[in-house]
Amino acid sequence: MTTKYTEDHEWISVDGDIATVGITPHAQDALGDVVFVDLPEVGKTFAQKEVAGVVESVKAAADVYMPISGEVVEVNEALRADPSLANSDPLNAGWFFKVKLSEPSQVDALLDETAYAAFAA
């Protein structure tokens, strides 16, 4: 499994042709307590960098961008029911949606953990 990051503070974990997407600990830290998430519809196709959802906190609302092109195959209903999972466990239980990759080579252009840490610092 490969995990990459975007400059918009999303993470993507790729396993075969399916990728799980969420927001980074840095993003949830900046947002504060998450109170609502708007997740994309299963079956909807997005181009890379298109807005795929929204996360709202007590401080602000932020768009969630699609890190790679693909079709949404699953959304995290547990997150919809309990948005605070984005704060308490952003890299695991707080994932947002899963995508079937349409252009797997796009993953190569995303940031690795070291590059993202330097970017977010």
C-alpha atoms as a PDB file:
ATOM      1  CA  MET A   1       0.000   0.000   0.000  1.00  0.00           C
ATOM      2  CA  THR A   2       1.302   3.443  -0.964  1.00  0.00           C
ATOM      3  CA  THR A   3       0.317   6.628   0.893  1.00  0.00           C
ATOM      4  CA  LYS A   4       0.753  10.021  -0.779  1.00  0.00           C
ATOM      5  CA  TYR A   5      -0.316  13.571   0.034  1.00  0.00           C
ATOM      6  CA  THR A   6      -1.556  16.669  -1.785  1.00  0.00           C
ATOM      7  CA  GLU A   7      -0.738  20.326  -1.265  1.00  0.00           C
ATOM      8  CA  ASP A   8      -4.444  20.728  -0.401  1.00  0.00           C
ATOM      9  CA  HIS A   9      -3.846  18.485   2.653  1.00  0.00           C
ATOM     10  CA  GLU A  10      -5.558  15.302   1.517  1.00  0.00           C
ATOM     11  CA  TRP A  11      -3.967  11.888   1.933  1.00  0.00           C
ATOM     12  CA  ILE A  12      -4.478   8.985  -0.419  1.00  0.00           C
ATOM     13  CA  SER A  13      -3.651   5.363   0.284  1.00  0.00           C
ATOM     14  CA  VAL A  14      -3.503   3.215  -2.838  1.00  0.00           C
ATOM     15  CA  ASP A  15      -4.106  -0.527  -2.819  1.00  0.00           C
ATOM     16  CA  GLY A  16      -4.274  -1.916  -6.351  1.00  0.00           C
ATOM     17  CA  ASP A  17      -6.713   0.223  -8.337  1.00  0.00           C
ATOM     18  CA  ILE A  18      -8.637   1.450  -5.261  1.00  0.00           C
ATOM     19  CA  ALA A  19      -7.551   4.477  -3.253  1.00  0.00           C
ATOM     20  CA  THR A  20      -8.806   5.622   0.137  1.00  0.00           C
ATOM     21  CA  VAL A  21      -8.902   9.407   0.639  1.00  0.00           C
ATOM     22  CA  GLY A  22      -9.031  11.566   3.764  1.00  0.00           C
ATOM     23  CA  ILE A  23      -7.715  14.792   5.217  1.00  0.00           C
ATOM     24  CA  THR A  24      -4.317  14.962   6.870  1.00  0.00           C
ATOM     25  CA  PRO A  25      -3.683  15.509  10.578  1.00  0.00           C
ATOM     26  CA  HIS A  26      -2.338  18.953   9.594  1.00  0.00           C
ATOM     27  CA  ALA A  27      -5.673  19.819   7.923  1.00  0.00           C
ATOM     28  CA  GLN A  28      -7.834  18.648  10.808  1.00  0.00           C
ATOM     29  CA  ASP A  29      -5.546  20.507  13.220  1.00  0.00           C
ATOM     30  CA  ALA A  30      -5.992  23.739  11.260  1.00  0.00           C
ATOM     31  CA  LEU A  31      -9.765  23.258  11.007  1.00  0.00           C
ATOM     32  CA  GLY A  32     -10.387  22.436  14.653  1.00  0.00           C
ATOM     33  CA  ASP A  33     -13.359  20.334  15.734  1.00  0.00           C
ATOM     34  CA  VAL A  34     -15.056  18.876  12.650  1.00  0.00           C
ATOM     35  CA  VAL A  35     -18.845  19.067  12.965  1.00  0.00           C
ATOM     36  CA  PHE A  36     -20.075  18.107   9.466  1.00  0.00           C
ATOM     37  CA  VAL A  37     -18.839  16.359   6.331  1.00  0.00           C
ATOM     38  CA  ASP A  38     -20.432  16.417   2.901  1.00  0.00           C
ATOM     39  CA  LEU A  39     -19.305  13.272   1.110  1.00  0.00           C
ATOM     40  CA  PRO A  40     -19.571  12.599  -2.641  1.00  0.00           C
ATOM     41  CA  GLU A  41     -22.146  10.251  -4.151  1.00  0.00           C
ATOM     42  CA  VAL A  42     -21.092   6.667  -4.815  1.00  0.00           C
ATOM     43  CA  GLY A  43     -20.815   6.203  -8.585  1.00  0.00           C
ATOM     44  CA  LYS A  44     -19.867   9.815  -9.274  1.00  0.00           C
ATOM     45  CA  THR A  45     -16.711  10.382 -11.322  1.00  0.00           C
ATOM     46  CA  PHE A  46     -14.304  13.227 -10.590  1.00  0.00           C
ATOM     47  CA  ALA A  47     -11.279  14.671 -12.336  1.00  0.00           C
ATOM     48  CA  GLN A  48      -8.127  15.289 -10.319  1.00  0.00           C
ATOM     49  CA  LYS A  49      -8.365  18.489  -8.217  1.00  0.00           C
ATOM     50  CA  GLU A  50     -12.170  18.732  -8.556  1.00  0.00           C
ATOM     51  CA  VAL A  51     -14.066  19.471  -5.334  1.00  0.00           C
ATOM     52  CA  ALA A  52     -15.396  16.125  -4.105  1.00  0.00           C
ATOM     53  CA  GLY A  53     -16.731  17.114  -0.697  1.00  0.00           C
ATOM     54  CA  VAL A  54     -16.761  19.632   2.120  1.00  0.00           C
ATOM     55  CA  VAL A  55     -15.622  19.475   5.709  1.00  0.00           C
ATOM     56  CA  GLU A  56     -17.013  21.971   8.222  1.00  0.00           C
ATOM     57  CA  SER A  57     -15.606  22.740  11.632  1.00  0.00           C
ATOM     58  CA  VAL A  58     -16.401  25.138  14.414  1.00  0.00           C
ATOM     59  CA  LYS A  59     -13.860  27.524  12.813  1.00  0.00           C
ATOM     60  CA  ALA A  60     -14.306  27.158   9.048  1.00  0.00           C
ATOM     61  CA  ALA A  61     -15.483  25.165   6.063  1.00  0.00           C
ATOM     62  CA  ALA A  62     -13.039  23.704   3.560  1.00  0.00           C
ATOM     63  CA  ASP A  63     -13.363  21.897   0.268  1.00  0.00           C
ATOM     64  CA  VAL A  64     -12.058  18.357  -0.058  1.00  0.00           C
ATOM     65  CA  TYR A  65     -10.354  17.966  -3.428  1.00  0.00           C
ATOM     66  CA  MET A  66     -10.045  14.767  -5.423  1.00  0.00           C
ATOM     67  CA  PRO A  67      -6.336  13.847  -5.314  1.00  0.00           C
ATOM     68  CA  ILE A  68      -6.619  11.670  -8.438  1.00  0.00           C
ATOM     69  CA  SER A  69      -9.170  11.083 -11.199  1.00  0.00           C
ATOM     70  CA  GLY A  70     -11.628   8.282 -10.624  1.00  0.00           C
ATOM     71  CA  GLU A  71     -15.028   6.999  -9.596  1.00  0.00           C
ATOM     72  CA  VAL A  72     -16.236   7.053  -5.989  1.00  0.00           C
ATOM     73  CA  VAL A  73     -16.937   3.443  -4.993  1.00  0.00           C
ATOM     74  CA  GLU A  74     -17.579   3.873  -1.258  1.00  0.00           C
ATOM     75  CA  VAL A  75     -18.083   6.630   1.314  1.00  0.00           C
ATOM     76  CA  ASN A  76     -17.441   6.444   5.041  1.00  0.00           C
ATOM     77  CA  GLU A  77     -20.938   6.399   6.542  1.00  0.00           C
ATOM     78  CA  ALA A  78     -19.411   6.208  10.037  1.00  0.00           C
ATOM     79  CA  LEU A  79     -17.758   9.585   9.372  1.00  0.00           C
ATOM     80  CA  ARG A  80     -21.061  11.064   8.191  1.00  0.00           C
ATOM     81  CA  ALA A  81     -22.663   9.875  11.450  1.00  0.00           C
ATOM     82  CA  ASP A  82     -19.707  10.990  13.605  1.00  0.00           C
ATOM     83  CA  PRO A  83     -17.674  13.761  11.891  1.00  0.00           C
ATOM     84  CA  SER A  84     -15.339  13.951  14.894  1.00  0.00           C
ATOM     85  CA  LEU A  85     -13.614  10.804  13.531  1.00  0.00           C
ATOM     86  CA  ALA A  86     -11.826  13.216  11.155  1.00  0.00           C
ATOM     87  CA  ASN A  87     -10.200  14.712  14.285  1.00  0.00           C
ATOM     88  CA  SER A  88      -9.688  11.663  16.464  1.00  0.00           C
ATOM     89  CA  ASP A  89      -8.393   9.282  13.768  1.00  0.00           C
ATOM     90  CA  PRO A  90      -7.822  11.162  10.471  1.00  0.00           C
ATOM     91  CA  LEU A  91      -5.572   8.509   8.916  1.00  0.00           C
ATOM     92  CA  ASN A  92      -7.722   5.472   9.718  1.00  0.00           C
ATOM     93  CA  ALA A  93     -11.360   5.541  10.917  1.00  0.00           C
ATOM     94  CA  GLY A  94     -11.711   9.148   9.694  1.00  0.00           C
ATOM     95  CA  TRP A  95     -11.264   8.347   5.969  1.00  0.00           C
ATOM     96  CA  PHE A  96     -13.718  10.115   3.641  1.00  0.00           C
ATOM     97  CA  PHE A  97     -14.210   8.002   0.507  1.00  0.00           C
ATOM     98  CA  LYS A  98     -12.729   5.319  -1.738  1.00  0.00           C
ATOM     99  CA  VAL A  99     -12.034   5.823  -5.430  1.00  0.00           C
ATOM    100  CA  LYS A 100     -11.431   3.459  -8.330  1.00  0.00           C
ATOM    101  CA  LEU A 101      -8.452   5.028 -10.105  1.00  0.00           C
ATOM    102  CA  SER A 102      -8.952   5.967 -13.740  1.00  0.00           C
ATOM    103  CA  GLU A 103      -5.396   7.317 -14.209  1.00  0.00           C
ATOM    104  CA  PRO A 104      -3.085   5.495 -11.768  1.00  0.00           C
ATOM    105  CA  SER A 105      -0.015   7.386 -13.017  1.00  0.00           C
ATOM    106  CA  GLN A 106      -1.377  10.551 -11.324  1.00  0.00           C
ATOM    107  CA  VAL A 107      -0.383   9.037  -7.966  1.00  0.00           C
ATOM    108  CA  ASP A 108       3.304   9.333  -8.904  1.00  0.00           C
ATOM    109  CA  ALA A 109       3.078  13.148  -8.993  1.00  0.00           C
ATOM    110  CA  LEU A 110       1.716  13.424  -5.432  1.00  0.00           C
ATOM    111  CA  LEU A 111       3.915  14.167  -2.424  1.00  0.00           C
ATOM    112  CA  ASP A 112       5.510  11.425  -0.355  1.00  0.00           C
ATOM    113  CA  GLU A 113       5.513  11.712   3.438  1.00  0.00           C
ATOM    114  CA  THR A 114       8.872  13.547   3.599  1.00  0.00           C
ATOM    115  CA  ALA A 115       7.922  16.077   0.911  1.00  0.00           C
ATOM    116  CA  TYR A 116       4.505  16.671   2.506  1.00  0.00           C
ATOM    117  CA  ALA A 117       6.034  17.186   5.965  1.00  0.00           C
ATOM    118  CA  ALA A 118       8.406  19.792   4.506  1.00  0.00           C
ATOM    119  CA  PHE A 119       5.520  21.451   2.627  1.00  0.00           C
ATOM    120  CA  ALA A 120       3.232  21.548   5.690  1.00  0.00           C
ATOM    121  CA  ALA A 121       5.943  22.858   8.056  1.00  0.00           C
END
